Amino acid sequence: MAFNPLLSLLKADAIFLGQLSKSSFCATSRAFSVFYFTRFKRSAYVSAPFGIEPHDEKELKTIDDNVHSNNLSWQKIQEHEVIRELYRKAAYELPGLTPYTQSFKKPADSQIFRFESDVQMSSFEKMNPKVVVTFKVTNIPLLEEKQRHVLRLLVGPRYNPEEDLVRISSDKYSSALQNKYHLIKILTSLIEESKRNAEKFSHVPLNTGHWKYKKCDKRMPQEWLADATTLTSKKKTTIGKQSHNTVLERESIATTDE
């Protein structure tokens, strides 16, 4: 069944009205407007405390805000406004974005460096400028085996020896594009240094103590499993004999008692 935002909007209104009818009528009648259902209005009739001028509208507005902020029915109405706004966007704005849809394409094998960045699709969250680049050392062209070894040494704890992957991240700048350019500079400098110092550090062993290898599942040898099946069959025969002997003993005891 296709998603119908207008139908879901009506359902949300029905659920909201059901919740609203359960709450107290006196608390909601001041804040809920029947004539303008799509827009809810506040009540401005609040009695001023003693010592405040009746024409002080700023002070009256702060008192009105404090009164409605502690009102549970008004909080429900505000939540319902947010839900209705999202349904309106789904009904009227999302269909306009259909010409810009793009089908997913798997990255090609020729793509050596893969850049990733998190984008928060919400106005309440701060933009995350962090960018992460991952690449396989063996996929880098124009590098000999000694130069790749030096590159693994220069990367240090960012190297994954199980998959031969390197993962480098950067959040130095406030923009994701600046962090991406910063990572590109780091990658170019790493490749240049590995080419220049290939003979100098080729004899240095690679330290992989930073990496925690995953424990593989220990599987039973097939010979042990065959022995286990024979043992279980023997156990079954012995258990059957023991149960048969116990039944015979019980029958003999019953006959002697009679």
Protein backbone atom coordinates (compact mmCIF):
# COMPACT_ATOMS: atom_id res chain seq x y z
CA MET A 1 0.00 0.00 0.00
CA ALA A 2 1.44 3.40 -1.03
CA PHE A 3 2.15 6.03 1.59
CA ASN A 4 -0.55 8.70 1.65
CA PRO A 5 0.58 11.70 3.73
CA LEU A 6 -2.86 13.34 3.71
CA LEU A 7 -4.48 10.19 5.11
CA SER A 8 -1.79 9.94 7.77
CA LEU A 9 -2.40 13.62 8.59
CA LEU A 10 -6.07 12.91 9.24
CA LYS A 11 -5.16 9.90 11.37
CA ALA A 12 -2.78 12.04 13.43
CA ASP A 13 -5.55 14.59 13.95
CA ALA A 14 -7.96 11.88 15.09
CA ILE A 15 -5.42 10.46 17.55
CA PHE A 16 -4.67 13.94 18.83
CA LEU A 17 -8.34 14.75 19.37
CA GLY A 18 -8.79 11.47 21.24
CA GLN A 19 -5.88 12.31 23.53
CA LEU A 20 -7.15 15.85 23.95
CA SER A 21 -10.64 14.72 24.98
CA LYS A 22 -9.18 12.64 27.81
CA SER A 23 -7.47 15.67 29.38
CA SER A 24 -9.29 18.32 31.36
CA PHE A 25 -11.60 20.57 29.31
CA CYS A 26 -10.84 23.68 31.37
CA ALA A 27 -7.11 23.45 30.69
CA THR A 28 -7.47 22.94 26.93
CA SER A 29 -10.36 25.27 26.08
CA ARG A 30 -8.17 28.33 26.66
CA ALA A 31 -5.39 27.16 24.37
CA PHE A 32 -7.32 25.33 21.64
CA SER A 33 -9.09 27.26 18.86
CA VAL A 34 -11.98 25.56 17.02
CA PHE A 35 -12.25 28.06 14.18
CA TYR A 36 -8.55 27.86 13.17
CA PHE A 37 -7.74 24.17 13.51
CA THR A 38 -4.41 24.34 11.70
CA ARG A 39 -3.14 27.12 13.95
CA PHE A 40 -3.46 27.01 17.71
CA LYS A 41 -3.66 30.25 19.68
CA ARG A 42 -2.72 31.14 23.21
CA SER A 43 -5.00 32.84 25.65
CA ALA A 44 -3.92 36.36 26.58
CA TYR A 45 -6.32 36.70 29.51
CA VAL A 46 -4.00 36.38 32.50
CA SER A 47 -4.58 38.38 35.64
CA ALA A 48 -1.57 40.48 36.65
CA PRO A 49 -0.19 40.00 40.17
CA PHE A 50 -0.20 42.74 42.78
CA GLY A 51 2.35 45.52 42.24
CA ILE A 52 2.49 45.36 38.42
CA GLU A 53 0.89 47.94 36.16
CA PRO A 54 -2.00 46.54 34.08
CA HIS A 55 -0.58 48.08 30.89
CA ASP A 56 2.82 46.40 31.23
CA GLU A 57 2.44 44.10 28.20
CA LYS A 58 6.00 42.76 28.34
CA GLU A 59 5.61 41.49 31.89
CA LEU A 60 2.19 40.06 31.09
CA LYS A 61 3.65 38.21 28.11
CA THR A 62 6.37 36.61 30.28
CA ILE A 63 3.73 35.54 32.80
CA ASP A 64 1.62 34.11 29.98
CA ASP A 65 4.61 32.16 28.63
CA ASN A 66 5.36 30.75 32.07
CA VAL A 67 1.75 29.69 32.55
CA HIS A 68 1.57 27.90 29.22
CA SER A 69 5.02 26.31 29.51
CA ASN A 70 3.84 24.38 32.57
CA ASN A 71 0.58 23.35 30.92
CA LEU A 72 0.60 19.72 29.72
CA SER A 73 -2.20 20.26 27.22
CA TRP A 74 -0.30 23.13 25.61
CA GLN A 75 2.81 20.95 25.29
CA LYS A 76 0.71 18.31 23.51
CA ILE A 77 -0.58 20.95 21.11
CA GLN A 78 2.98 22.08 20.33
CA GLU A 79 4.05 18.49 19.65
CA HIS A 80 1.06 18.08 17.37
CA GLU A 81 2.03 21.23 15.46
CA VAL A 82 5.47 19.77 14.76
CA ILE A 83 3.96 16.48 13.54
CA ARG A 84 1.53 18.31 11.25
CA GLU A 85 4.36 20.39 9.79
CA LEU A 86 6.32 17.23 8.94
CA TYR A 87 3.26 15.68 7.30
CA ARG A 88 2.73 18.85 5.24
CA LYS A 89 6.32 18.66 4.02
CA ALA A 90 5.84 15.00 3.10
CA ALA A 91 2.63 15.84 1.23
CA TYR A 92 3.63 18.99 -0.67
CA GLU A 93 7.44 19.31 -0.73
CA LEU A 94 8.74 15.76 -1.14
CA PRO A 95 7.03 15.18 -4.54
CA GLY A 96 8.95 18.17 -5.90
CA LEU A 97 12.26 16.40 -5.19
CA THR A 98 11.52 13.36 -7.37
CA PRO A 99 13.33 14.78 -10.47
CA TYR A 100 16.55 14.92 -8.42
CA THR A 101 16.56 11.26 -7.37
CA GLN A 102 19.68 9.24 -8.22
CA SER A 103 20.03 5.49 -8.32
CA PHE A 104 22.66 3.89 -6.10
CA LYS A 105 25.87 2.89 -7.86
CA LYS A 106 28.37 0.60 -6.26
CA PRO A 107 31.85 2.20 -6.12
CA ALA A 108 34.18 0.83 -8.76
CA ASP A 109 37.32 -1.11 -7.97
CA SER A 110 39.41 1.66 -9.52
CA GLN A 111 38.31 3.99 -6.71
CA ILE A 112 41.26 3.69 -4.34
CA PHE A 113 40.47 6.30 -1.71
CA ARG A 114 37.02 6.40 -0.12
CA PHE A 115 35.98 9.52 1.80
CA GLU A 116 33.13 9.38 4.31
CA SER A 117 31.42 12.12 6.31
CA ASP A 118 28.35 12.16 8.56
CA VAL A 119 25.59 14.60 7.63
CA GLN A 120 22.92 15.32 10.23
CA MET A 121 19.59 15.86 8.44
CA SER A 122 18.20 18.00 11.25
CA SER A 123 18.37 21.66 12.17
CA PHE A 124 18.69 20.87 15.87
CA GLU A 125 22.05 19.13 15.52
CA LYS A 126 25.38 20.76 14.78
CA MET A 127 27.04 19.92 11.49
CA ASN A 128 29.70 17.26 11.91
CA PRO A 129 32.79 18.33 9.90
CA LYS A 130 34.69 15.08 10.52
CA VAL A 131 35.89 13.28 7.37
CA VAL A 132 37.30 9.74 7.27
CA VAL A 133 39.35 8.26 4.42
CA THR A 134 39.95 4.52 3.99
CA PHE A 135 42.14 2.80 1.42
CA LYS A 136 43.91 -0.47 0.77
CA VAL A 137 47.69 -0.31 0.59
CA THR A 138 47.95 -2.93 -2.14
CA ASN A 139 45.57 -0.96 -4.40
CA ILE A 140 47.83 2.11 -4.58
CA PRO A 141 49.54 2.06 -8.00
CA LEU A 142 53.16 2.99 -8.76
CA LEU A 143 54.40 1.64 -5.43
CA GLU A 144 56.85 -1.19 -4.91
CA GLU A 145 56.65 -3.68 -2.06
CA LYS A 146 59.34 -1.85 -0.06
CA GLN A 147 57.52 1.45 -0.46
CA ARG A 148 54.26 -0.12 0.69
CA HIS A 149 56.05 -1.50 3.73
CA VAL A 150 57.34 1.99 4.58
CA LEU A 151 53.84 3.39 4.11
CA ARG A 152 52.50 0.87 6.63
CA LEU A 153 55.23 1.92 9.05
CA LEU A 154 54.41 5.62 8.65
CA VAL A 155 50.69 5.08 9.21
CA GLY A 156 51.29 3.32 12.54
CA PRO A 157 48.21 2.35 14.60
CA ARG A 158 45.84 3.42 11.80
CA TYR A 159 46.74 0.27 9.87
CA ASN A 160 44.52 -2.80 9.90
CA PRO A 161 46.75 -5.85 9.27
CA GLU A 162 43.84 -8.26 8.80
CA GLU A 163 42.36 -6.48 5.78
CA ASP A 164 45.39 -4.37 4.77
CA LEU A 165 43.30 -1.21 5.27
CA VAL A 166 44.32 2.26 6.44
CA ARG A 167 41.81 4.55 8.14
CA ILE A 168 42.63 8.23 8.76
CA SER A 169 40.22 10.87 10.07
CA SER A 170 40.38 14.65 10.37
CA ASP A 171 38.21 17.18 12.23
CA LYS A 172 40.78 19.97 12.40
CA TYR A 173 38.69 22.51 10.49
CA SER A 174 35.07 23.60 10.84
CA SER A 175 34.17 22.55 7.30
CA ALA A 176 34.05 19.02 5.88
CA LEU A 177 35.51 20.22 2.57
CA GLN A 178 38.55 21.72 4.33
CA ASN A 179 39.08 18.49 6.25
CA LYS A 180 38.92 16.55 2.98
CA TYR A 181 41.62 18.75 1.42
CA HIS A 182 43.67 18.32 4.58
CA LEU A 183 43.44 14.53 4.26
CA ILE A 184 44.47 14.74 0.60
CA LYS A 185 47.61 16.66 1.62
CA ILE A 186 48.38 14.03 4.27
CA LEU A 187 47.99 11.21 1.74
CA THR A 188 50.26 12.88 -0.83
CA SER A 189 52.94 13.52 1.81
CA LEU A 190 52.73 9.89 3.01
CA ILE A 191 53.19 8.53 -0.51
CA GLU A 192 56.11 10.89 -1.19
CA GLU A 193 57.85 9.94 2.07
CA SER A 194 57.36 6.23 1.44
CA LYS A 195 58.96 6.59 -2.00
CA ARG A 196 61.86 8.64 -0.71
CA ASN A 197 62.69 6.48 2.35
CA ALA A 198 62.06 3.06 0.83
CA GLU A 199 65.66 1.83 1.14
CA LYS A 200 66.27 3.40 4.54
CA PHE A 201 63.38 1.77 6.44
CA SER A 202 62.79 -1.39 4.42
CA HIS A 203 64.53 -3.56 7.07
CA VAL A 204 62.38 -2.22 9.97
CA PRO A 205 59.78 -4.83 11.00
CA LEU A 206 56.13 -3.91 11.09
CA ASN A 207 54.66 -3.68 14.59
CA THR A 208 51.02 -4.82 14.78
CA GLY A 209 50.69 -4.85 18.56
CA HIS A 210 48.05 -2.12 18.41
CA TRP A 211 45.63 -4.37 16.57
CA LYS A 212 43.40 -6.80 18.44
CA TYR A 213 42.73 -9.84 16.33
CA LYS A 214 39.25 -11.25 16.38
CA LYS A 215 38.92 -14.66 17.95
CA CYS A 216 37.85 -17.19 15.37
CA ASP A 217 35.23 -19.80 16.17
CA LYS A 218 36.89 -23.04 17.23
CA ARG A 219 35.40 -25.91 15.32
CA MET A 220 35.59 -29.56 16.33
CA PRO A 221 37.64 -31.88 14.09
CA GLN A 222 35.60 -34.36 12.10
CA GLU A 223 37.42 -37.30 13.71
CA TRP A 224 36.33 -36.17 17.15
CA LEU A 225 32.76 -35.81 15.96
CA ALA A 226 32.77 -39.38 14.61
CA ASP A 227 34.06 -40.68 17.95
CA ALA A 228 31.37 -38.66 19.72
CA THR A 229 28.61 -40.26 17.64
CA THR A 230 29.90 -43.75 18.43
CA LEU A 231 30.11 -42.86 22.11
CA THR A 232 26.56 -41.56 22.12
CA SER A 233 25.31 -44.77 20.48
CA LYS A 234 27.14 -46.82 23.11
CA LYS A 235 25.69 -44.66 25.86
CA LYS A 236 22.22 -45.17 24.45
CA THR A 237 22.63 -48.95 24.51
CA THR A 238 23.97 -48.92 28.07
CA ILE A 239 21.18 -46.63 29.25
CA GLY A 240 18.61 -48.89 27.60
CA LYS A 241 20.07 -51.95 29.29
CA GLN A 242 20.13 -50.19 32.68
CA SER A 243 16.51 -49.07 32.33
CA HIS A 244 15.48 -52.62 31.31
CA ASN A 245 17.29 -54.07 34.35
CA THR A 246 15.60 -51.56 36.69
CA VAL A 247 12.18 -52.50 35.27
CA LEU A 248 12.90 -56.20 35.86
CA GLU A 249 14.04 -55.50 39.42
CA ARG A 250 10.85 -53.56 40.16
CA GLU A 251 8.70 -56.37 38.78
CA SER A 252 10.53 -58.95 40.90
CA ILE A 253 10.09 -56.82 44.03
CA ALA A 254 6.38 -56.44 43.30
CA THR A 255 5.91 -60.23 42.91
CA THR A 256 7.73 -60.95 46.19
CA ASP A 257 5.53 -58.44 48.05
CA GLU A 258 2.41 -60.16 46.79
